[in-house]
Amino acid sequence: MVTFSKTELKDLSIAITVITLLFAYIFNGRSFEIGNLIILIPISLFTVGLSFILHELGHKVVAQKYGFYAEFRKWNEGLILAIISSFLGFVFLAPGAVYIASPYGTITEKENGVISVAGPLVNIVLAILFLFAGLSIKGMINVNNFDFMIYLLITCTIGCSVNSFLALFNLLPIPMLDGSKVLKWNIFIWLAVIVIAGVLTYTSYTIQLI
């Protein structure tokens, strides 16, 4: 059973709130215009916020299935960097991470690899769901439902691109990123997953959903 501490829930809430507001600000052309922000905050929460929280929960769920201690902790310096970078037109996204410890004293390469690949796999699944939802919505747009359907289509487009890129970035074989741990465990699984993430990222930036 997956469990959460009060501190973890508080840290998750703070991280998601900051991420959601910052990306809504970016989507709004770095403007504080309230009318647009009211529209963009739900989109930001459902796409960027959802992709972040479910990525981290992917790590947490698998780690706890192994019987390990696993809790998310926000990184205050990362949140400050995210706020500062947003005013420059981009977001340095490192709000925190799931910290894992084994009651047995050790974590094998396989266990570490499986835990690490779980986060990007969640993003890949979300990217695919957003992509197919967007394609379905595009075929249902008509004069009567145009405004609402375009809103949903924008949400799906952002959701697909954010999740596919997040999966691809985290799978890079760079120390501290998930990819380095997956590669160390199994090169074939790493290669298969990063290729899928790469194809999805390319598709998300080239397919004409809107």
C-alpha atoms as a PDB file:
ATOM      1  CA  MET A   1       0.000   0.000   0.000  1.00  0.00           C
ATOM      2  CA  VAL A   2       1.365   3.413  -0.993  1.00  0.00           C
ATOM      3  CA  THR A   3       1.640   5.749   1.981  1.00  0.00           C
ATOM      4  CA  PHE A   4       2.299   9.484   2.332  1.00  0.00           C
ATOM      5  CA  SER A   5       3.525  11.476   5.319  1.00  0.00           C
ATOM      6  CA  LYS A   6       2.157  14.904   6.206  1.00  0.00           C
ATOM      7  CA  THR A   7       5.513  16.497   5.358  1.00  0.00           C
ATOM      8  CA  GLU A   8       5.532  14.783   1.959  1.00  0.00           C
ATOM      9  CA  LEU A   9       2.001  15.937   1.129  1.00  0.00           C
ATOM     10  CA  LYS A  10       2.929  19.482   2.130  1.00  0.00           C
ATOM     11  CA  ASP A  11       6.069  19.426  -0.047  1.00  0.00           C
ATOM     12  CA  LEU A  12       4.150  17.985  -2.998  1.00  0.00           C
ATOM     13  CA  SER A  13       1.457  20.652  -2.653  1.00  0.00           C
ATOM     14  CA  ILE A  14       4.022  23.474  -2.575  1.00  0.00           C
ATOM     15  CA  ALA A  15       5.956  22.090  -5.566  1.00  0.00           C
ATOM     16  CA  ILE A  16       2.829  21.560  -7.674  1.00  0.00           C
ATOM     17  CA  THR A  17       1.473  25.014  -6.838  1.00  0.00           C
ATOM     18  CA  VAL A  18       4.725  26.740  -7.798  1.00  0.00           C
ATOM     19  CA  ILE A  19       5.082  24.716 -11.027  1.00  0.00           C
ATOM     20  CA  THR A  20       1.479  25.343 -12.037  1.00  0.00           C
ATOM     21  CA  LEU A  21       1.616  29.099 -11.476  1.00  0.00           C
ATOM     22  CA  LEU A  22       4.996  29.524 -13.169  1.00  0.00           C
ATOM     23  CA  PHE A  23       4.004  27.650 -16.308  1.00  0.00           C
ATOM     24  CA  ALA A  24       0.676  29.488 -16.478  1.00  0.00           C
ATOM     25  CA  TYR A  25       2.742  32.696 -16.370  1.00  0.00           C
ATOM     26  CA  ILE A  26       4.995  31.390 -19.176  1.00  0.00           C
ATOM     27  CA  PHE A  27       2.010  30.230 -21.272  1.00  0.00           C
ATOM     28  CA  ASN A  28       0.545  33.713 -20.788  1.00  0.00           C
ATOM     29  CA  GLY A  29       3.562  35.303 -22.472  1.00  0.00           C
ATOM     30  CA  ARG A  30       5.119  36.208 -19.108  1.00  0.00           C
ATOM     31  CA  SER A  31       2.145  38.396 -18.321  1.00  0.00           C
ATOM     32  CA  PHE A  32       0.152  38.730 -15.103  1.00  0.00           C
ATOM     33  CA  GLU A  33      -3.060  39.488 -17.011  1.00  0.00           C
ATOM     34  CA  ILE A  34      -5.651  37.898 -14.736  1.00  0.00           C
ATOM     35  CA  GLY A  35      -8.243  37.012 -17.364  1.00  0.00           C
ATOM     36  CA  ASN A  36      -5.875  34.756 -19.301  1.00  0.00           C
ATOM     37  CA  LEU A  37      -4.262  33.334 -16.159  1.00  0.00           C
ATOM     38  CA  ILE A  38      -7.640  32.114 -14.923  1.00  0.00           C
ATOM     39  CA  ILE A  39      -7.937  30.119 -18.152  1.00  0.00           C
ATOM     40  CA  LEU A  40      -4.318  28.956 -18.261  1.00  0.00           C
ATOM     41  CA  ILE A  41      -3.887  27.853 -14.627  1.00  0.00           C
ATOM     42  CA  PRO A  42      -6.158  24.779 -15.035  1.00  0.00           C
ATOM     43  CA  ILE A  43      -4.321  23.859 -18.256  1.00  0.00           C
ATOM     44  CA  SER A  44      -0.962  24.243 -16.507  1.00  0.00           C
ATOM     45  CA  LEU A  45      -2.125  22.172 -13.534  1.00  0.00           C
ATOM     46  CA  PHE A  46      -3.569  19.368 -15.672  1.00  0.00           C
ATOM     47  CA  THR A  47      -0.545  19.144 -17.990  1.00  0.00           C
ATOM     48  CA  VAL A  48       2.693  20.252 -16.315  1.00  0.00           C
ATOM     49  CA  GLY A  49       1.543  19.692 -12.733  1.00  0.00           C
ATOM     50  CA  LEU A  50       0.074  16.281 -13.542  1.00  0.00           C
ATOM     51  CA  SER A  51       3.146  15.164 -15.500  1.00  0.00           C
ATOM     52  CA  PHE A  52       5.443  16.153 -12.634  1.00  0.00           C
ATOM     53  CA  ILE A  53       3.465  14.609  -9.789  1.00  0.00           C
ATOM     54  CA  LEU A  54       2.752  11.331 -11.578  1.00  0.00           C
ATOM     55  CA  HIS A  55       6.406  11.037 -12.666  1.00  0.00           C
ATOM     56  CA  GLU A  56       7.505  11.290  -9.045  1.00  0.00           C
ATOM     57  CA  LEU A  57       4.746   8.969  -7.861  1.00  0.00           C
ATOM     58  CA  GLY A  58       5.916   6.410 -10.435  1.00  0.00           C
ATOM     59  CA  HIS A  59       9.272   6.285  -8.639  1.00  0.00           C
ATOM     60  CA  LYS A  60       7.621   6.233  -5.229  1.00  0.00           C
ATOM     61  CA  VAL A  61       5.107   3.455  -5.945  1.00  0.00           C
ATOM     62  CA  VAL A  62       7.719   1.083  -7.387  1.00  0.00           C
ATOM     63  CA  ALA A  63      10.176   1.818  -4.575  1.00  0.00           C
ATOM     64  CA  GLN A  64       7.544   1.090  -1.944  1.00  0.00           C
ATOM     65  CA  LYS A  65       6.600  -2.110  -3.774  1.00  0.00           C
ATOM     66  CA  TYR A  66      10.193  -3.204  -3.167  1.00  0.00           C
ATOM     67  CA  GLY A  67       9.710  -2.417   0.514  1.00  0.00           C
ATOM     68  CA  PHE A  68      11.916   0.686   0.437  1.00  0.00           C
ATOM     69  CA  TYR A  69      11.434   3.988   2.202  1.00  0.00           C
ATOM     70  CA  ALA A  70      10.425   6.524  -0.459  1.00  0.00           C
ATOM     71  CA  GLU A  71       9.266  10.093   0.088  1.00  0.00           C
ATOM     72  CA  PHE A  72       9.157  13.245  -2.005  1.00  0.00           C
ATOM     73  CA  ARG A  73      10.976  16.282  -0.687  1.00  0.00           C
ATOM     74  CA  LYS A  74      10.864  19.716  -2.274  1.00  0.00           C
ATOM     75  CA  TRP A  75      14.149  21.419  -3.107  1.00  0.00           C
ATOM     76  CA  ASN A  76      13.871  25.035  -1.985  1.00  0.00           C
ATOM     77  CA  GLU A  77      16.845  26.177  -4.067  1.00  0.00           C
ATOM     78  CA  GLY A  78      15.327  24.525  -7.136  1.00  0.00           C
ATOM     79  CA  LEU A  79      12.001  26.267  -6.557  1.00  0.00           C
ATOM     80  CA  ILE A  80      13.781  29.630  -6.238  1.00  0.00           C
ATOM     81  CA  LEU A  81      15.715  28.972  -9.457  1.00  0.00           C
ATOM     82  CA  ALA A  82      12.447  28.069 -11.185  1.00  0.00           C
ATOM     83  CA  ILE A  83      10.887  31.374 -10.126  1.00  0.00           C
ATOM     84  CA  ILE A  84      13.929  33.405 -11.201  1.00  0.00           C
ATOM     85  CA  SER A  85      14.307  31.587 -14.545  1.00  0.00           C
ATOM     86  CA  SER A  86      10.608  32.048 -15.374  1.00  0.00           C
ATOM     87  CA  PHE A  87      11.167  35.806 -15.579  1.00  0.00           C
ATOM     88  CA  LEU A  88      13.828  35.088 -18.233  1.00  0.00           C
ATOM     89  CA  GLY A  89      11.364  33.149 -20.390  1.00  0.00           C
ATOM     90  CA  PHE A  90      11.997  29.549 -19.348  1.00  0.00           C
ATOM     91  CA  VAL A  91      11.601  27.383 -16.255  1.00  0.00           C
ATOM     92  CA  PHE A  92      14.487  25.534 -14.610  1.00  0.00           C
ATOM     93  CA  LEU A  93      12.391  22.601 -13.408  1.00  0.00           C
ATOM     94  CA  ALA A  94      13.996  20.941 -10.397  1.00  0.00           C
ATOM     95  CA  PRO A  95      11.427  21.382  -7.623  1.00  0.00           C
ATOM     96  CA  GLY A  96      12.387  18.246  -5.714  1.00  0.00           C
ATOM     97  CA  ALA A  97      12.726  14.491  -5.897  1.00  0.00           C
ATOM     98  CA  VAL A  98      11.710  11.194  -4.336  1.00  0.00           C
ATOM     99  CA  TYR A  99      14.361  10.114  -1.862  1.00  0.00           C
ATOM    100  CA  ILE A 100      14.746   6.367  -1.477  1.00  0.00           C
ATOM    101  CA  ALA A 101      16.401   4.251   1.206  1.00  0.00           C
ATOM    102  CA  SER A 102      16.472   0.502   1.743  1.00  0.00           C
ATOM    103  CA  PRO A 103      15.811  -1.043   5.168  1.00  0.00           C
ATOM    104  CA  TYR A 104      18.099  -3.858   4.024  1.00  0.00           C
ATOM    105  CA  GLY A 105      21.042  -1.518   3.562  1.00  0.00           C
ATOM    106  CA  THR A 106      21.488  -1.934  -0.190  1.00  0.00           C
ATOM    107  CA  ILE A 107      19.616  -1.299  -3.436  1.00  0.00           C
ATOM    108  CA  THR A 108      20.619  -3.484  -6.384  1.00  0.00           C
ATOM    109  CA  GLU A 109      21.277  -2.127  -9.884  1.00  0.00           C
ATOM    110  CA  LYS A 110      18.110  -3.832 -11.104  1.00  0.00           C
ATOM    111  CA  GLU A 111      15.965  -2.370  -8.316  1.00  0.00           C
ATOM    112  CA  ASN A 112      17.441   1.084  -8.908  1.00  0.00           C
ATOM    113  CA  GLY A 113      16.917   0.727 -12.658  1.00  0.00           C
ATOM    114  CA  VAL A 114      13.311  -0.389 -12.370  1.00  0.00           C
ATOM    115  CA  ILE A 115      12.515   2.417  -9.924  1.00  0.00           C
ATOM    116  CA  SER A 116      14.226   4.955 -12.195  1.00  0.00           C
ATOM    117  CA  VAL A 117      12.484   3.894 -15.419  1.00  0.00           C
ATOM    118  CA  ALA A 118       9.051   4.027 -13.753  1.00  0.00           C
ATOM    119  CA  GLY A 119       8.898   7.848 -13.831  1.00  0.00           C
ATOM    120  CA  PRO A 120       9.637   8.276 -17.559  1.00  0.00           C
ATOM    121  CA  LEU A 121       7.302   5.382 -18.390  1.00  0.00           C
ATOM    122  CA  VAL A 122       4.473   7.224 -16.643  1.00  0.00           C
ATOM    123  CA  ASN A 123       5.199  10.287 -18.793  1.00  0.00           C
ATOM    124  CA  ILE A 124       5.286   8.168 -21.957  1.00  0.00           C
ATOM    125  CA  VAL A 125       1.866   6.708 -21.154  1.00  0.00           C
ATOM    126  CA  LEU A 126       0.486  10.188 -20.416  1.00  0.00           C
ATOM    127  CA  ALA A 127       1.960  11.574 -23.659  1.00  0.00           C
ATOM    128  CA  ILE A 128       0.282   8.802 -25.665  1.00  0.00           C
ATOM    129  CA  LEU A 129      -3.049   9.355 -23.904  1.00  0.00           C
ATOM    130  CA  PHE A 130      -2.897  13.117 -24.534  1.00  0.00           C
ATOM    131  CA  LEU A 131      -1.948  12.507 -28.184  1.00  0.00           C
ATOM    132  CA  PHE A 132      -4.839  10.158 -28.910  1.00  0.00           C
ATOM    133  CA  ALA A 133      -7.259  12.325 -26.925  1.00  0.00           C
ATOM    134  CA  GLY A 134      -6.169  15.318 -29.013  1.00  0.00           C
ATOM    135  CA  LEU A 135      -6.632  13.426 -32.282  1.00  0.00           C
ATOM    136  CA  SER A 136     -10.118  12.333 -31.169  1.00  0.00           C
ATOM    137  CA  ILE A 137     -11.107  15.836 -30.083  1.00  0.00           C
ATOM    138  CA  LYS A 138      -9.846  17.331 -33.354  1.00  0.00           C
ATOM    139  CA  GLY A 139     -12.275  15.146 -35.261  1.00  0.00           C
ATOM    140  CA  MET A 140     -15.222  16.278 -33.138  1.00  0.00           C
ATOM    141  CA  ILE A 141     -14.818  20.062 -33.475  1.00  0.00           C
ATOM    142  CA  ASN A 142     -17.719  21.913 -35.035  1.00  0.00           C
ATOM    143  CA  VAL A 143     -19.227  25.406 -34.991  1.00  0.00           C
ATOM    144  CA  ASN A 144     -21.349  24.696 -31.913  1.00  0.00           C
ATOM    145  CA  ASN A 145     -18.587  23.380 -29.646  1.00  0.00           C
ATOM    146  CA  PHE A 146     -15.573  25.209 -31.104  1.00  0.00           C
ATOM    147  CA  ASP A 147     -14.523  27.265 -28.042  1.00  0.00           C
ATOM    148  CA  PHE A 148     -14.697  24.368 -25.575  1.00  0.00           C
ATOM    149  CA  MET A 149     -13.087  21.825 -27.912  1.00  0.00           C
ATOM    150  CA  ILE A 150     -10.202  24.176 -28.766  1.00  0.00           C
ATOM    151  CA  TYR A 151      -9.585  24.600 -25.032  1.00  0.00           C
ATOM    152  CA  LEU A 152      -9.404  20.816 -24.653  1.00  0.00           C
ATOM    153  CA  LEU A 153      -7.244  20.509 -27.756  1.00  0.00           C
ATOM    154  CA  ILE A 154      -4.740  23.056 -26.424  1.00  0.00           C
ATOM    155  CA  THR A 155      -4.628  21.098 -23.152  1.00  0.00           C
ATOM    156  CA  CYS A 156      -3.934  17.837 -24.997  1.00  0.00           C
ATOM    157  CA  THR A 157      -1.266  19.446 -27.193  1.00  0.00           C
ATOM    158  CA  ILE A 158       0.604  20.846 -24.198  1.00  0.00           C
ATOM    159  CA  GLY A 159       0.127  17.613 -22.243  1.00  0.00           C
ATOM    160  CA  CYS A 160       1.605  15.519 -25.045  1.00  0.00           C
ATOM    161  CA  SER A 161       4.632  17.767 -25.612  1.00  0.00           C
ATOM    162  CA  VAL A 162       5.408  18.280 -21.917  1.00  0.00           C
ATOM    163  CA  ASN A 163       5.181  14.598 -21.011  1.00  0.00           C
ATOM    164  CA  SER A 164       7.133  13.328 -24.013  1.00  0.00           C
ATOM    165  CA  PHE A 165       9.919  15.880 -23.470  1.00  0.00           C
ATOM    166  CA  LEU A 166      10.031  15.202 -19.721  1.00  0.00           C
ATOM    167  CA  ALA A 167      10.430  11.476 -20.419  1.00  0.00           C
ATOM    168  CA  LEU A 168      13.153  12.095 -23.018  1.00  0.00           C
ATOM    169  CA  PHE A 169      15.086  14.551 -20.853  1.00  0.00           C
ATOM    170  CA  ASN A 170      15.020  12.303 -17.789  1.00  0.00           C
ATOM    171  CA  LEU A 171      16.227   9.333 -19.854  1.00  0.00           C
ATOM    172  CA  LEU A 172      19.424  11.094 -20.947  1.00  0.00           C
ATOM    173  CA  PRO A 173      22.411   9.068 -19.663  1.00  0.00           C
ATOM    174  CA  ILE A 174      23.615  11.851 -17.417  1.00  0.00           C
ATOM    175  CA  PRO A 175      24.483  11.240 -13.742  1.00  0.00           C
ATOM    176  CA  MET A 176      21.608  12.125 -11.390  1.00  0.00           C
ATOM    177  CA  LEU A 177      19.034  11.695 -14.181  1.00  0.00           C
ATOM    178  CA  ASP A 178      16.943   8.519 -14.454  1.00  0.00           C
ATOM    179  CA  GLY A 179      18.593   7.522 -17.721  1.00  0.00           C
ATOM    180  CA  SER A 180      22.008   6.896 -16.184  1.00  0.00           C
ATOM    181  CA  LYS A 181      20.541   4.406 -13.695  1.00  0.00           C
ATOM    182  CA  VAL A 182      18.412   2.632 -16.303  1.00  0.00           C
ATOM    183  CA  LEU A 183      21.397   2.371 -18.671  1.00  0.00           C
ATOM    184  CA  LYS A 184      23.575   0.941 -15.901  1.00  0.00           C
ATOM    185  CA  TRP A 185      20.936  -1.717 -15.245  1.00  0.00           C
ATOM    186  CA  ASN A 186      19.894  -2.685 -18.783  1.00  0.00           C
ATOM    187  CA  ILE A 187      21.101  -0.978 -21.969  1.00  0.00           C
ATOM    188  CA  PHE A 188      18.405  -2.589 -24.141  1.00  0.00           C
ATOM    189  CA  ILE A 189      15.531  -1.372 -21.967  1.00  0.00           C
ATOM    190  CA  TRP A 190      17.108   2.081 -21.780  1.00  0.00           C
ATOM    191  CA  LEU A 191      17.520   2.196 -25.569  1.00  0.00           C
ATOM    192  CA  ALA A 192      13.937   1.053 -26.235  1.00  0.00           C
ATOM    193  CA  VAL A 193      12.401   3.548 -23.812  1.00  0.00           C
ATOM    194  CA  ILE A 194      14.487   6.555 -24.905  1.00  0.00           C
ATOM    195  CA  VAL A 195      13.707   5.838 -28.579  1.00  0.00           C
ATOM    196  CA  ILE A 196       9.976   5.777 -27.785  1.00  0.00           C
ATOM    197  CA  ALA A 197      10.311   9.025 -25.828  1.00  0.00           C
ATOM    198  CA  GLY A 198      12.266  10.571 -28.703  1.00  0.00           C
ATOM    199  CA  VAL A 199       9.672   9.568 -31.300  1.00  0.00           C
ATOM    200  CA  LEU A 200       6.871  10.943 -29.122  1.00  0.00           C
ATOM    201  CA  THR A 201       8.752  14.212 -28.586  1.00  0.00           C
ATOM    202  CA  TYR A 202       9.328  14.599 -32.320  1.00  0.00           C
ATOM    203  CA  THR A 203       5.685  13.756 -33.016  1.00  0.00           C
ATOM    204  CA  SER A 204       4.430  16.237 -30.431  1.00  0.00           C
ATOM    205  CA  TYR A 205       6.316  19.073 -32.136  1.00  0.00           C
ATOM    206  CA  THR A 206       5.437  18.141 -35.721  1.00  0.00           C
ATOM    207  CA  ILE A 207       1.867  16.828 -35.673  1.00  0.00           C
ATOM    208  CA  GLN A 208      -0.784  19.453 -36.424  1.00  0.00           C
ATOM    209  CA  LEU A 209      -3.346  19.054 -33.646  1.00  0.00           C
ATOM    210  CA  ILE A 210      -4.363  22.712 -33.690  1.00  0.00           C
END
